[in-house]
Protein backbone atom coordinates (compact mmCIF):
# COMPACT_ATOMS: atom_id res chain seq x y z
CA MET A 1 -126.49 -103.15 -110.39
CA ASN A 2 -124.59 -100.49 -109.85
CA THR A 3 -121.46 -100.76 -107.80
CA ALA A 4 -120.36 -97.12 -107.85
CA HIS A 5 -119.98 -97.06 -104.09
CA PHE A 6 -116.69 -98.77 -104.23
CA ASP A 7 -113.92 -96.12 -104.55
CA PHE A 8 -111.22 -96.72 -106.74
CA SER A 9 -109.45 -93.74 -107.32
CA GLY A 10 -105.85 -93.66 -107.92
CA GLN A 11 -105.71 -97.12 -108.28
CA ARG A 12 -104.26 -99.38 -111.72
CA ILE A 13 -106.17 -102.41 -112.02
CA LEU A 14 -105.47 -105.05 -114.75
CA VAL A 15 -108.56 -106.79 -116.33
CA THR A 16 -108.02 -109.57 -118.36
CA GLY A 17 -110.69 -111.18 -120.29
CA ALA A 18 -112.08 -107.29 -120.39
CA SER A 19 -113.69 -107.74 -124.01
CA SER A 20 -116.36 -109.65 -123.20
CA GLY A 21 -119.14 -111.26 -120.56
CA ILE A 22 -117.83 -110.84 -117.23
CA GLY A 23 -114.38 -108.91 -117.85
CA TRP A 24 -116.09 -106.59 -119.77
CA GLU A 25 -119.00 -106.05 -116.83
CA VAL A 26 -116.05 -105.61 -114.45
CA ALA A 27 -114.26 -103.31 -116.41
CA GLN A 28 -117.32 -101.20 -116.63
CA GLN A 29 -117.84 -100.97 -112.92
CA LEU A 30 -114.23 -100.05 -112.17
CA LEU A 31 -114.56 -97.19 -114.57
CA ILE A 32 -117.24 -96.12 -112.75
CA SER A 33 -115.93 -96.88 -109.28
CA GLY A 34 -112.61 -94.38 -110.52
CA ALA A 35 -110.37 -96.80 -111.25
CA ASP A 36 -107.54 -96.66 -113.69
CA VAL A 37 -107.93 -100.00 -116.05
CA TYR A 38 -106.26 -101.58 -118.09
CA ALA A 39 -108.45 -104.07 -120.02
CA LEU A 40 -106.65 -107.08 -121.71
CA GLY A 41 -108.44 -108.86 -124.26
CA ARG A 42 -108.80 -110.36 -128.31
CA ASP A 43 -112.09 -108.55 -129.83
CA PRO A 44 -110.47 -105.26 -131.00
CA LEU A 45 -113.83 -103.74 -131.80
CA ALA A 46 -114.86 -104.09 -127.88
CA LEU A 47 -111.11 -103.09 -127.39
CA GLN A 48 -111.55 -100.11 -128.95
CA LYS A 49 -114.84 -98.95 -127.45
CA LEU A 50 -112.99 -99.61 -123.81
CA GLU A 51 -110.58 -97.29 -125.08
CA THR A 52 -113.01 -94.39 -125.68
CA GLN A 53 -114.36 -94.99 -122.58
CA GLY A 54 -110.86 -94.40 -120.60
CA CYS A 55 -108.88 -97.60 -120.26
CA HIS A 56 -105.81 -98.47 -121.26
CA VAL A 57 -106.49 -101.15 -123.77
CA LEU A 58 -104.00 -104.43 -124.45
CA ARG A 59 -105.06 -106.44 -127.47
CA VAL A 60 -103.03 -109.95 -126.89
CA ASP A 61 -103.64 -113.83 -127.23
CA VAL A 62 -102.86 -114.88 -123.49
CA GLY A 63 -102.26 -118.04 -124.92
CA ASP A 64 -98.96 -117.04 -126.42
CA HIS A 65 -96.85 -117.33 -123.71
CA VAL A 66 -94.02 -115.15 -125.96
CA GLN A 67 -96.63 -112.35 -126.39
CA LEU A 68 -98.03 -112.35 -123.11
CA ALA A 69 -94.82 -111.88 -121.09
CA ALA A 70 -93.54 -109.05 -123.60
CA MET A 71 -96.75 -107.22 -122.60
CA LEU A 72 -96.75 -107.95 -119.08
CA ALA A 73 -93.12 -106.89 -118.95
CA ASP A 74 -94.02 -103.10 -120.23
CA LEU A 75 -96.89 -102.84 -117.60
CA PRO A 76 -96.24 -100.30 -114.66
CA VAL A 77 -97.02 -101.77 -110.90
CA MET A 78 -100.57 -102.47 -110.32
CA HIS A 79 -102.96 -101.97 -107.35
CA GLY A 80 -105.06 -105.06 -108.33
CA LEU A 81 -105.76 -107.71 -110.98
CA VAL A 82 -108.62 -109.57 -112.13
CA ASN A 83 -107.91 -112.68 -114.13
CA CYS A 84 -111.07 -113.05 -116.36
CA ALA A 85 -109.64 -114.56 -119.38
CA GLY A 86 -110.74 -118.33 -119.76
CA ILE A 87 -112.25 -120.90 -122.79
CA SER A 88 -114.28 -123.78 -122.33
CA ILE A 89 -113.94 -126.50 -124.83
CA LEU A 90 -116.67 -129.21 -124.13
CA GLU A 91 -115.92 -133.20 -124.46
CA ALA A 92 -117.03 -136.16 -123.01
CA ALA A 93 -114.46 -137.67 -120.48
CA THR A 94 -114.28 -140.73 -123.13
CA GLN A 95 -113.10 -138.43 -125.93
CA ILE A 96 -110.71 -136.02 -124.65
CA SER A 97 -108.41 -134.92 -126.97
CA ALA A 98 -104.72 -133.80 -126.39
CA ALA A 99 -105.19 -130.60 -128.12
CA ALA A 100 -108.21 -129.27 -126.41
CA PHE A 101 -107.12 -129.97 -123.13
CA ASP A 102 -103.82 -128.29 -123.27
CA GLN A 103 -105.70 -125.47 -125.16
CA VAL A 104 -107.94 -125.01 -122.06
CA MET A 105 -105.26 -125.58 -119.17
CA THR A 106 -102.68 -123.11 -121.19
CA VAL A 107 -105.42 -120.24 -121.20
CA ASN A 108 -107.29 -120.78 -117.87
CA VAL A 109 -104.27 -121.69 -115.83
CA ARG A 110 -101.04 -120.97 -117.63
CA ALA A 111 -101.88 -117.61 -118.63
CA ALA A 112 -103.53 -116.62 -115.09
CA ALA A 113 -100.67 -118.00 -113.17
CA MET A 114 -98.13 -115.88 -115.42
CA VAL A 115 -100.21 -112.72 -115.18
CA ALA A 116 -100.29 -112.94 -111.49
CA ALA A 117 -96.73 -113.73 -111.14
CA SER A 118 -95.70 -110.34 -113.13
CA VAL A 119 -98.29 -108.44 -111.18
CA ALA A 120 -97.57 -109.93 -107.91
CA LYS A 121 -93.61 -109.43 -108.55
CA LYS A 122 -93.89 -105.56 -109.47
CA MET A 123 -96.31 -105.25 -106.16
CA LEU A 124 -93.56 -106.73 -104.29
CA THR A 125 -90.93 -104.35 -105.61
CA GLN A 126 -92.77 -101.76 -105.09
CA GLY A 127 -94.17 -102.33 -101.73
CA VAL A 128 -97.82 -102.39 -102.78
CA ALA A 129 -100.52 -104.30 -100.72
CA GLY A 130 -102.46 -105.13 -103.44
CA SER A 131 -105.56 -107.53 -104.34
CA ILE A 132 -105.44 -110.17 -107.00
CA VAL A 133 -109.06 -112.01 -108.10
CA ASN A 134 -109.12 -115.17 -109.93
CA VAL A 135 -112.24 -115.75 -112.00
CA SER A 136 -112.97 -119.75 -111.57
CA SER A 137 -116.38 -121.61 -111.49
CA GLN A 138 -118.67 -123.62 -109.74
CA ALA A 139 -117.15 -126.31 -112.24
CA SER A 140 -114.28 -126.58 -109.91
CA LEU A 141 -116.57 -127.35 -107.21
CA VAL A 142 -119.05 -130.07 -108.90
CA ALA A 143 -119.02 -132.59 -111.54
CA LEU A 144 -120.16 -131.41 -114.89
CA ASP A 145 -120.63 -133.20 -118.00
CA ASP A 146 -118.76 -133.12 -120.55
CA HIS A 147 -116.81 -130.38 -118.97
CA LEU A 148 -113.57 -132.32 -117.87
CA SER A 149 -110.75 -130.33 -119.16
CA TYR A 150 -112.50 -127.29 -118.30
CA CYS A 151 -113.47 -128.32 -114.77
CA ALA A 152 -109.78 -129.79 -114.33
CA SER A 153 -108.32 -126.09 -115.44
CA LYS A 154 -110.72 -124.50 -113.25
CA GLY A 155 -109.82 -126.82 -109.97
CA ALA A 156 -106.45 -125.88 -110.85
CA MET A 157 -106.99 -122.35 -110.78
CA ASP A 158 -108.80 -122.27 -107.30
CA ALA A 159 -105.57 -124.51 -106.30
CA MET A 160 -103.36 -121.76 -107.60
CA THR A 161 -105.28 -118.83 -105.60
CA ARG A 162 -104.18 -120.64 -101.94
CA VAL A 163 -100.83 -121.07 -103.08
CA GLN A 164 -100.99 -117.22 -104.37
CA CYS A 165 -102.29 -116.44 -101.22
CA GLY A 166 -99.63 -118.34 -98.96
CA GLU A 167 -96.55 -117.25 -100.43
CA TRP A 168 -97.70 -113.36 -101.14
CA GLY A 169 -99.73 -113.05 -98.18
CA ARG A 170 -96.90 -111.66 -95.98
CA PHE A 171 -96.44 -108.68 -97.84
CA GLY A 172 -99.82 -107.43 -97.83
CA ILE A 173 -101.09 -109.00 -101.20
CA ARG A 174 -104.60 -110.77 -100.82
CA VAL A 175 -105.58 -113.37 -103.61
CA ASN A 176 -108.88 -115.19 -103.64
CA SER A 177 -111.28 -116.41 -106.76
CA VAL A 178 -115.02 -116.33 -107.32
CA ASN A 179 -116.56 -119.21 -108.58
CA PRO A 180 -119.75 -118.35 -110.70
CA THR A 181 -122.71 -120.42 -112.38
CA VAL A 182 -123.73 -119.95 -115.45
CA THR A 183 -123.82 -116.18 -116.07
CA LEU A 184 -125.88 -114.65 -118.92
CA THR A 185 -123.37 -113.07 -121.15
CA PRO A 186 -124.53 -113.00 -124.59
CA MET A 187 -123.20 -115.95 -125.56
CA ALA A 188 -124.44 -118.07 -122.62
CA GLN A 189 -128.07 -116.49 -123.02
CA MET A 190 -127.61 -118.24 -126.72
CA ALA A 191 -126.33 -121.78 -125.22
CA TRP A 192 -128.80 -122.01 -122.77
CA SER A 193 -131.69 -121.24 -124.52
CA GLU A 194 -132.73 -124.42 -125.06
CA PRO A 195 -135.54 -125.57 -122.53
CA SER A 196 -134.21 -129.40 -122.39
CA LYS A 197 -130.55 -127.97 -121.55
CA ARG A 198 -131.48 -124.76 -119.74
CA ASP A 199 -134.55 -125.99 -117.17
CA PRO A 200 -132.53 -128.86 -115.17
CA ALA A 201 -129.65 -126.54 -114.56
CA LEU A 202 -132.03 -123.83 -113.05
CA ALA A 203 -133.91 -126.92 -111.25
CA ALA A 204 -130.72 -127.69 -109.67
CA ILE A 205 -129.87 -123.56 -108.49
CA PRO A 206 -131.84 -122.99 -105.26
CA LEU A 207 -132.48 -119.39 -106.33
CA GLY A 208 -134.12 -120.97 -109.32
CA ARG A 209 -132.60 -118.53 -112.01
CA PHE A 210 -129.09 -117.74 -113.61
CA ALA A 211 -126.50 -115.11 -112.55
CA GLU A 212 -126.26 -111.99 -114.63
CA THR A 213 -122.95 -110.31 -115.22
CA ALA A 214 -123.20 -107.34 -112.50
CA GLU A 215 -124.25 -109.67 -109.49
CA VAL A 216 -120.53 -111.31 -110.44
CA ALA A 217 -118.62 -108.12 -110.87
CA ALA A 218 -120.09 -106.72 -107.77
CA PRO A 219 -118.41 -109.52 -105.58
CA ILE A 220 -115.23 -109.22 -107.30
CA LEU A 221 -114.85 -105.55 -106.56
CA PHE A 222 -115.62 -106.09 -102.98
CA LEU A 223 -112.41 -108.76 -102.98
CA LEU A 224 -110.48 -105.92 -105.02
CA SER A 225 -111.44 -103.33 -101.93
CA SER A 226 -110.47 -102.48 -98.77
CA ALA A 227 -113.71 -103.74 -97.25
CA ALA A 228 -112.27 -107.33 -98.37
CA SER A 229 -108.93 -106.47 -96.10
CA MET A 230 -109.04 -109.57 -93.78
CA ILE A 231 -110.26 -111.87 -96.80
CA SER A 232 -107.75 -114.34 -98.69
CA GLY A 233 -107.28 -117.56 -99.89
CA VAL A 234 -110.97 -118.40 -100.57
CA SER A 235 -112.82 -119.41 -103.23
CA LEU A 236 -116.35 -117.53 -103.08
CA PRO A 237 -119.38 -119.31 -104.78
CA ILE A 238 -121.70 -117.27 -107.09
CA ASP A 239 -123.88 -119.67 -107.81
CA GLY A 240 -127.44 -118.83 -106.16
CA GLY A 241 -127.13 -121.88 -103.79
CA TYR A 242 -125.88 -124.82 -106.38
CA THR A 243 -123.06 -125.99 -104.91
CA SER A 244 -124.58 -126.63 -101.61
CA ARG A 245 -126.41 -129.37 -102.85
């Protein structure tokens, strides 16, 4: 899928979690579409490749709030943000550990809130009417076994999206979230290769397949673009109909 019909020429867009998966795909498609991409991630080899492609790369652990705040302070004003950094630690609901729960919430919620707050504050100061897309999950909309902390974090992200929409909308800043199903990153392809796990999940998706990274990136670029100029505060499922049942 080629999303090059979007034109982000002259726009600076920050992508967190850019060194893998959906974040990597979003960074690639934004480059194709002419954006000045700031790619934040942890994998040095992936970031090096993004740099050779023309991205400004930022290596930081978003779970370290001191390191993250220092990095954000040095960034110029952005026109767009894609909050894609995230982790999942699977535990049964009766086996929740404080350390794992806190780690998931720290990365998936606190870091996303800090990044968006810093980006939005600079937009407000410079009078930039920008767009923010928070990458949530179908896990915020349905119950998934062994995903309590992950479901909670993505539910919090959707709630955060609505608050940001309400507070920043009067300044022309749009904030939306996308809620993808299982997306076939290299890690997901391995995780969902076992038929006993894969087949029931596919059976619950009316379209009968998982998402490709490009199929998640395209709606993200749409929400970043002027084509979505009257869309704000939504949580958009990209799930082949999974959450319709």
